[in-house]
Amino acid sequence: MVSRKTPKSPETEEADRNRFMYSVGLALSNRARLGLYLICFTGLAFSNKTLGDEPATNLPAVSPESGVDLYVRGMQLYQLQKFAEADTCLQAAIAPVPGRPLPYYFFGAVCTAVDIQERLGHGDTAVSYLTRAIKTTEDHAAKTNDVESIRVRLELLGYLREIYDRHGKIGALLSAFAQPEDALSEVTTIEGGRPAFEEYSWWWSHFWELKCGRGLVLIRLARFDEAEALLKEVAEQTTKMGHLGDPFTSLTLPPGSPLPKGFVLVGAKGLVVPQDRSYAEVAHQVALDWLSLAARLQEQVDEAVRYREEVRSLDRKLPRGNEPVHTERYIKALINRDGTSDRTWALMNETLDEINRTMDFKLP
């Protein structure tokens, strides 16, 4: 007996597209995620006309259908480096439409518009774009209890903190940590407590990212005891919840193969690993990075080296492509403790060879 599927309404189909694009768009970290969006549209559209410091206003109201067209055109103009026109299209594409859910391209359009302002040196305008988009997602979640819109808000908040950090606005950075906590709390209210790691690994990823970020700020303020307590808590939780001590088998996908559900692509060799483990491992390495920094600043050189060795041991289990960076930091810790030695020279040469090897490619 062949079952017949009930046709989906346009609203249901759009909701499905939203969930799909959110899951694709939010699989990586903030800046890398923006890069993914731009690479995906290389065949469409990239960024030289000066914009004013104020956001575009008096934009036409658009339907979801014409919004998609405006988004695609905005990306094309962005690739052509026609920033003013691209910005206008993107702002029109994400203009709120009463009674409609956030479009699936919302996150990509906001991040691209923010990137335009950053490239033009308009940091304040970039911040205003982000804060406006964050308010939009917050209002949407308040009306609908849509967990995915909360997830988008968390990603945008992470991008906002990155801009504050890049421009040295430590005070704004510190105050910005309160908003993600509110967003995370909204999810716990909807779910009746902290969500299960296996189902909401992205929630825990943001939770750990928040703690690591606060730990780094505390290190900058020389409040080392508080920083270490936070970072060690993250290291313990990620080890336990991500089962980082357990053996596992990664998959290697042939080019063009679909990504299995619950897995993410890591590194440059087509490796796929369980998403929850990947999130835990990334947060674990960040915590160890900052613990090593705190130890070095306190002249606890043995501790600094030990943390760096733990990071490198994770690299050996699961290569992500950032091994040269971690090795370089490890070499610095060794030199700080032991001075130059045959071992450090050998590591430096190995790292240089690896960098040269990975960069040894020819454009078609």
Protein backbone atom coordinates (compact mmCIF):
# COMPACT_ATOMS: atom_id res chain seq x y z
CA MET A 1 0.00 0.00 0.00
CA VAL A 2 1.43 3.35 -1.03
CA SER A 3 0.78 6.20 1.38
CA ARG A 4 -0.10 9.59 -0.01
CA LYS A 5 1.48 12.65 1.52
CA THR A 6 -0.80 15.52 2.35
CA PRO A 7 0.28 18.58 0.36
CA LYS A 8 1.90 21.25 2.52
CA SER A 9 0.49 24.74 2.71
CA PRO A 10 2.74 27.62 1.55
CA GLU A 11 3.15 28.69 5.18
CA THR A 12 4.31 25.19 6.19
CA GLU A 13 6.74 25.00 3.28
CA GLU A 14 8.18 28.39 4.18
CA ALA A 15 8.56 27.32 7.82
CA ASP A 16 10.41 24.21 6.66
CA ARG A 17 12.73 26.32 4.52
CA ASN A 18 13.33 28.61 7.49
CA ARG A 19 14.31 25.72 9.74
CA PHE A 20 16.58 24.26 7.06
CA MET A 21 18.39 27.52 6.33
CA TYR A 22 18.75 28.30 10.03
CA SER A 23 20.34 24.89 10.64
CA VAL A 24 22.72 25.36 7.69
CA GLY A 25 23.54 28.95 8.48
CA LEU A 26 24.21 28.36 12.16
CA ALA A 27 26.48 25.33 11.88
CA LEU A 28 29.74 27.29 12.12
CA SER A 29 31.11 30.12 14.27
CA ASN A 30 30.23 33.80 13.67
CA ARG A 31 32.92 35.02 11.27
CA ALA A 32 33.37 31.65 9.62
CA ARG A 33 29.60 31.47 9.20
CA LEU A 34 29.56 34.79 7.38
CA GLY A 35 32.28 33.44 5.11
CA LEU A 36 30.10 30.41 4.37
CA TYR A 37 27.26 32.63 3.22
CA LEU A 38 29.55 34.65 0.99
CA ILE A 39 31.19 31.57 -0.53
CA CYS A 40 27.79 30.01 -1.18
CA PHE A 41 26.91 33.03 -3.29
CA THR A 42 30.21 33.34 -5.16
CA GLY A 43 28.41 32.58 -8.42
CA LEU A 44 25.90 35.32 -7.65
CA ALA A 45 27.46 38.37 -6.19
CA PHE A 46 31.04 40.72 -3.67
CA SER A 47 32.00 44.48 -2.27
CA ASN A 48 33.18 50.42 -3.33
CA LYS A 49 30.96 53.14 -2.92
CA THR A 50 30.88 55.04 0.31
CA LEU A 51 27.76 54.81 2.41
CA GLY A 52 26.59 57.33 4.90
CA ASP A 53 26.75 56.54 8.58
CA GLU A 54 22.96 56.27 8.80
CA PRO A 55 21.05 53.11 7.84
CA ALA A 56 18.99 53.18 4.67
CA THR A 57 15.47 54.54 5.28
CA ASN A 58 12.16 54.83 3.40
CA LEU A 59 12.68 51.40 1.88
CA PRO A 60 9.75 49.82 0.02
CA ALA A 61 7.61 47.23 1.77
CA VAL A 62 8.24 43.84 0.19
CA SER A 63 6.48 40.51 0.03
CA PRO A 64 8.40 37.32 0.94
CA GLU A 65 8.76 36.53 -2.79
CA SER A 66 10.23 39.89 -3.79
CA GLY A 67 12.30 39.81 -0.60
CA VAL A 68 14.17 36.76 -1.91
CA ASP A 69 14.83 38.55 -5.19
CA LEU A 70 16.14 41.60 -3.32
CA TYR A 71 18.38 39.40 -1.19
CA VAL A 72 19.88 37.66 -4.23
CA ARG A 73 20.36 41.00 -6.00
CA GLY A 74 21.96 42.45 -2.86
CA MET A 75 24.42 39.56 -2.73
CA GLN A 76 25.26 40.05 -6.41
CA LEU A 77 25.94 43.74 -5.84
CA TYR A 78 28.02 42.89 -2.79
CA GLN A 79 30.21 40.59 -4.84
CA LEU A 80 30.57 43.36 -7.43
CA GLN A 81 31.69 45.70 -4.62
CA LYS A 82 28.76 48.05 -5.14
CA PHE A 83 28.22 48.54 -1.45
CA ALA A 84 25.63 51.32 -1.42
CA GLU A 85 23.26 49.50 -3.76
CA ALA A 86 23.86 46.17 -2.02
CA ASP A 87 23.07 47.68 1.36
CA THR A 88 19.82 49.18 0.11
CA CYS A 89 18.67 45.85 -1.35
CA LEU A 90 19.56 43.88 1.76
CA GLN A 91 17.81 46.35 4.07
CA ALA A 92 14.67 46.14 1.92
CA ALA A 93 14.87 42.33 1.84
CA ILE A 94 14.75 42.04 5.63
CA ALA A 95 12.18 44.76 6.24
CA PRO A 96 9.60 43.24 8.63
CA VAL A 97 6.34 42.01 7.08
CA PRO A 98 3.52 41.91 9.67
CA GLY A 99 2.21 38.43 10.29
CA ARG A 100 5.06 36.66 8.50
CA PRO A 101 7.92 34.68 10.08
CA LEU A 102 11.50 35.82 9.70
CA PRO A 103 12.69 34.95 6.18
CA TYR A 104 15.18 32.11 5.83
CA TYR A 105 17.80 34.53 4.47
CA PHE A 106 17.48 36.96 7.42
CA PHE A 107 20.71 35.96 9.14
CA GLY A 108 22.76 36.00 5.92
CA ALA A 109 21.38 39.38 4.86
CA VAL A 110 22.06 41.00 8.24
CA CYS A 111 25.60 39.65 8.46
CA THR A 112 26.40 40.81 4.92
CA ALA A 113 25.01 44.29 5.59
CA VAL A 114 27.05 44.50 8.80
CA ASP A 115 30.15 43.34 6.93
CA ILE A 116 29.63 46.14 4.38
CA GLN A 117 29.65 48.72 7.15
CA GLU A 118 32.70 47.14 8.77
CA ARG A 119 34.61 47.22 5.47
CA LEU A 120 33.73 50.89 5.05
CA GLY A 121 34.93 51.68 8.56
CA HIS A 122 31.44 52.51 9.85
CA GLY A 123 31.63 50.56 13.09
CA ASP A 124 28.78 52.47 14.76
CA THR A 125 26.46 51.79 11.83
CA ALA A 126 27.41 48.11 11.89
CA VAL A 127 26.47 48.00 15.56
CA SER A 128 23.15 49.74 14.87
CA TYR A 129 22.34 47.19 12.16
CA LEU A 130 23.04 44.34 14.55
CA THR A 131 21.11 45.81 17.46
CA ARG A 132 18.10 46.44 15.21
CA ALA A 133 18.20 42.85 13.90
CA ILE A 134 18.60 41.51 17.43
CA LYS A 135 15.50 43.46 18.51
CA THR A 136 13.59 42.00 15.54
CA THR A 137 14.43 38.42 16.52
CA GLU A 138 13.66 39.16 20.16
CA ASP A 139 10.21 40.54 19.31
CA HIS A 140 9.52 37.56 17.04
CA ALA A 141 10.45 35.06 19.76
CA ALA A 142 8.31 36.91 22.32
CA LYS A 143 5.26 36.52 20.06
CA THR A 144 5.85 32.98 18.86
CA ASN A 145 8.15 31.16 21.35
CA ASP A 146 10.17 30.25 18.26
CA VAL A 147 13.36 28.64 19.53
CA GLU A 148 15.08 29.03 16.15
CA SER A 149 14.71 32.80 16.24
CA ILE A 150 16.34 32.76 19.67
CA ARG A 151 19.17 30.78 18.13
CA VAL A 152 19.59 33.43 15.41
CA ARG A 153 19.59 36.13 18.09
CA LEU A 154 22.39 34.35 19.93
CA GLU A 155 24.46 34.22 16.73
CA LEU A 156 23.92 37.94 16.09
CA LEU A 157 24.82 38.74 19.69
CA GLY A 158 28.06 36.81 19.22
CA TYR A 159 28.84 38.90 16.14
CA LEU A 160 28.09 42.07 18.14
CA ARG A 161 30.54 41.04 20.87
CA GLU A 162 33.15 40.32 18.20
CA ILE A 163 32.81 43.88 16.86
CA TYR A 164 33.07 45.37 20.34
CA ASP A 165 36.16 43.27 21.00
CA ARG A 166 37.79 44.18 17.68
CA HIS A 167 37.32 47.89 18.36
CA GLY A 168 38.56 47.63 21.95
CA LYS A 169 35.24 48.57 23.56
CA ILE A 170 35.74 46.51 26.70
CA GLY A 171 32.97 48.26 28.64
CA ALA A 172 30.41 47.59 25.91
CA LEU A 173 31.75 44.04 25.60
CA LEU A 174 31.20 43.39 29.29
CA SER A 175 27.66 44.75 29.20
CA ALA A 176 26.90 42.73 26.05
CA PHE A 177 27.26 39.48 27.99
CA ALA A 178 23.92 40.07 29.72
CA GLN A 179 21.83 39.75 26.53
CA PRO A 180 22.92 36.20 25.60
CA GLU A 181 22.14 35.14 29.14
CA ASP A 182 18.59 36.43 28.68
CA ALA A 183 18.26 34.56 25.37
CA LEU A 184 19.59 31.33 26.87
CA SER A 185 17.16 31.74 29.77
CA GLU A 186 14.25 32.07 27.35
CA VAL A 187 15.08 28.65 25.91
CA THR A 188 15.25 27.11 29.39
CA THR A 189 11.83 28.62 30.17
CA ILE A 190 10.33 27.21 26.97
CA GLU A 191 11.92 23.78 27.57
CA GLY A 192 11.30 23.72 31.31
CA GLY A 193 15.00 23.70 32.25
CA ARG A 194 18.38 23.46 30.60
CA PRO A 195 17.80 21.57 27.33
CA ALA A 196 19.27 18.16 26.63
CA PHE A 197 22.75 18.38 25.14
CA GLU A 198 22.00 15.79 22.46
CA GLU A 199 18.99 17.75 21.20
CA TYR A 200 20.17 21.32 21.80
CA SER A 201 23.95 21.12 21.45
CA TRP A 202 23.88 24.62 19.90
CA TRP A 203 22.42 25.99 23.17
CA TRP A 204 25.30 24.51 25.12
CA SER A 205 27.75 25.80 22.53
CA HIS A 206 26.54 29.36 23.16
CA PHE A 207 26.47 28.74 26.91
CA TRP A 208 30.12 27.69 26.86
CA GLU A 209 31.10 30.43 24.43
CA LEU A 210 29.62 32.96 26.83
CA LYS A 211 31.57 31.60 29.76
CA CYS A 212 34.83 31.49 27.76
CA GLY A 213 34.30 35.04 26.56
CA ARG A 214 33.67 36.27 30.06
CA GLY A 215 36.75 34.36 31.21
CA LEU A 216 38.91 36.17 28.64
CA VAL A 217 37.58 39.55 29.75
CA LEU A 218 38.37 38.67 33.37
CA ILE A 219 41.91 37.70 32.32
CA ARG A 220 42.32 41.11 30.67
CA LEU A 221 41.21 42.67 33.95
CA ALA A 222 43.80 40.52 35.81
CA ARG A 223 41.02 38.78 37.76
CA PHE A 224 42.70 35.44 37.25
CA ASP A 225 41.02 33.38 39.98
CA GLU A 226 37.54 34.20 38.68
CA ALA A 227 38.61 33.54 35.09
CA GLU A 228 40.16 30.18 35.89
CA ALA A 229 37.09 29.04 37.82
CA LEU A 230 34.85 29.78 34.82
CA LEU A 231 37.17 28.22 32.27
CA LYS A 232 37.80 25.06 34.29
CA GLU A 233 34.05 24.61 34.66
CA VAL A 234 33.72 24.73 30.86
CA ALA A 235 36.61 22.26 30.42
CA GLU A 236 34.99 19.80 32.84
CA GLN A 237 31.50 20.08 31.34
CA THR A 238 32.68 19.71 27.75
CA THR A 239 34.79 16.67 28.62
CA LYS A 240 31.88 14.95 30.33
CA MET A 241 29.01 15.94 28.04
CA GLY A 242 30.96 15.64 24.80
CA HIS A 243 32.54 12.32 25.85
CA LEU A 244 35.90 13.73 24.76
CA GLY A 245 37.78 10.91 26.43
CA ASP A 246 35.92 8.23 24.50
CA PRO A 247 37.18 6.83 21.20
CA PHE A 248 35.07 7.62 18.15
CA THR A 249 35.15 7.10 14.42
CA SER A 250 34.94 10.05 12.05
CA LEU A 251 33.59 9.64 8.55
CA THR A 252 35.15 10.86 5.32
CA LEU A 253 32.57 11.92 2.77
CA PRO A 254 33.24 11.78 -0.97
CA PRO A 255 32.77 15.15 -2.74
CA GLY A 256 29.12 15.97 -3.31
CA SER A 257 27.81 13.53 -0.71
CA PRO A 258 24.97 14.76 1.55
CA LEU A 259 25.85 15.48 5.16
CA PRO A 260 24.35 12.88 7.53
CA LYS A 261 21.83 14.21 10.03
CA GLY A 262 23.43 15.17 13.34
CA PHE A 263 26.93 15.49 11.86
CA VAL A 264 29.06 18.49 10.93
CA LEU A 265 31.92 18.89 8.49
CA VAL A 266 35.28 19.75 10.09
CA GLY A 267 38.72 20.48 8.69
CA ALA A 268 39.67 20.53 5.04
CA LYS A 269 39.67 16.78 4.40
CA GLY A 270 35.97 16.01 4.27
CA LEU A 271 35.82 14.68 7.83
CA VAL A 272 32.41 14.59 9.48
CA VAL A 273 31.87 14.06 13.19
CA PRO A 274 28.85 14.10 15.51
CA GLN A 275 27.67 17.69 15.92
CA ASP A 276 27.41 17.54 19.70
CA ARG A 277 30.96 16.24 20.06
CA SER A 278 32.24 18.91 17.67
CA TYR A 279 30.61 21.72 19.67
CA ALA A 280 32.01 20.35 22.92
CA GLU A 281 35.51 19.94 21.50
CA VAL A 282 35.65 23.50 20.13
CA ALA A 283 34.54 24.96 23.46
CA HIS A 284 37.00 22.73 25.31
CA GLN A 285 39.93 23.94 23.20
CA VAL A 286 38.94 27.59 23.69
CA ALA A 287 38.79 27.10 27.46
CA LEU A 288 42.24 25.49 27.44
CA ASP A 289 43.59 28.32 25.27
CA TRP A 290 42.53 30.96 27.78
CA LEU A 291 43.65 28.88 30.76
CA SER A 292 47.10 28.68 29.16
CA LEU A 293 47.08 32.45 28.62
CA ALA A 294 46.12 33.07 32.25
CA ALA A 295 48.88 30.75 33.44
CA ARG A 296 51.48 32.47 31.23
CA LEU A 297 50.49 35.94 32.44
CA GLN A 298 50.95 34.70 36.02
CA GLU A 299 54.33 33.20 35.05
CA GLN A 300 53.09 29.68 35.72
CA VAL A 301 55.04 28.37 32.74
CA ASP A 302 54.61 24.64 33.41
CA GLU A 303 50.83 25.04 33.58
CA ALA A 304 50.83 27.10 30.39
CA VAL A 305 52.71 24.36 28.53
CA ARG A 306 50.46 21.63 29.94
CA TYR A 307 47.30 23.32 28.69
CA ARG A 308 48.85 23.79 25.25
CA GLU A 309 49.77 20.10 25.15
CA GLU A 310 46.14 19.20 25.87
CA VAL A 311 44.99 21.35 22.96
CA ARG A 312 47.46 19.65 20.63
CA SER A 313 46.36 16.20 21.78
CA LEU A 314 42.82 17.05 20.67
CA ASP A 315 44.20 18.25 17.33
CA ARG A 316 45.82 14.86 16.79
CA LYS A 317 42.53 13.06 17.44
CA LEU A 318 40.52 15.30 15.13
CA PRO A 319 42.39 17.57 12.68
CA ARG A 320 40.39 20.72 11.97
CA GLY A 321 42.94 22.66 9.95
CA ASN A 322 43.99 24.94 12.82
CA GLU A 323 46.83 22.72 14.02
CA PRO A 324 49.59 25.15 12.87
CA VAL A 325 48.05 27.94 14.98
CA HIS A 326 47.91 25.72 18.06
CA THR A 327 51.44 24.45 17.44
CA GLU A 328 52.71 28.03 17.13
CA ARG A 329 51.17 28.88 20.51
CA TYR A 330 52.65 25.71 21.98
CA ILE A 331 56.11 26.66 20.67
CA LYS A 332 55.81 30.10 22.29
CA ALA A 333 54.92 28.45 25.59
CA LEU A 334 57.93 26.12 25.31
CA ILE A 335 60.30 28.97 24.47
CA ASN A 336 58.91 30.99 27.35
CA ARG A 337 59.68 28.09 29.68
CA ASP A 338 62.81 26.48 28.22
CA GLY A 339 64.23 28.98 25.76
CA THR A 340 65.13 27.88 22.24
CA SER A 341 66.12 24.23 21.97
CA ASP A 342 66.47 21.51 19.38
CA ARG A 343 62.91 20.48 20.13
CA THR A 344 61.45 23.94 19.51
CA TRP A 345 63.50 24.36 16.33
CA ALA A 346 62.25 21.00 15.07
CA LEU A 347 58.64 21.95 15.85
CA MET A 348 59.03 25.30 14.11
CA ASN A 349 60.38 23.62 10.98
CA GLU A 350 57.60 21.01 11.03
CA THR A 351 54.97 23.73 11.39
CA LEU A 352 56.46 25.78 8.58
CA ASP A 353 56.53 22.71 6.33
CA GLU A 354 52.87 22.01 7.14
CA ILE A 355 51.86 25.59 6.36
CA ASN A 356 53.75 25.50 3.06
CA ARG A 357 52.20 22.15 2.20
CA THR A 358 48.63 23.26 2.87
CA MET A 359 49.18 26.45 0.88
CA ASP A 360 50.76 24.61 -2.06
CA PHE A 361 47.87 24.64 -4.53
CA LYS A 362 47.21 26.07 -7.94
CA LEU A 363 44.14 27.96 -9.05
CA PRO A 364 42.33 26.36 -12.00
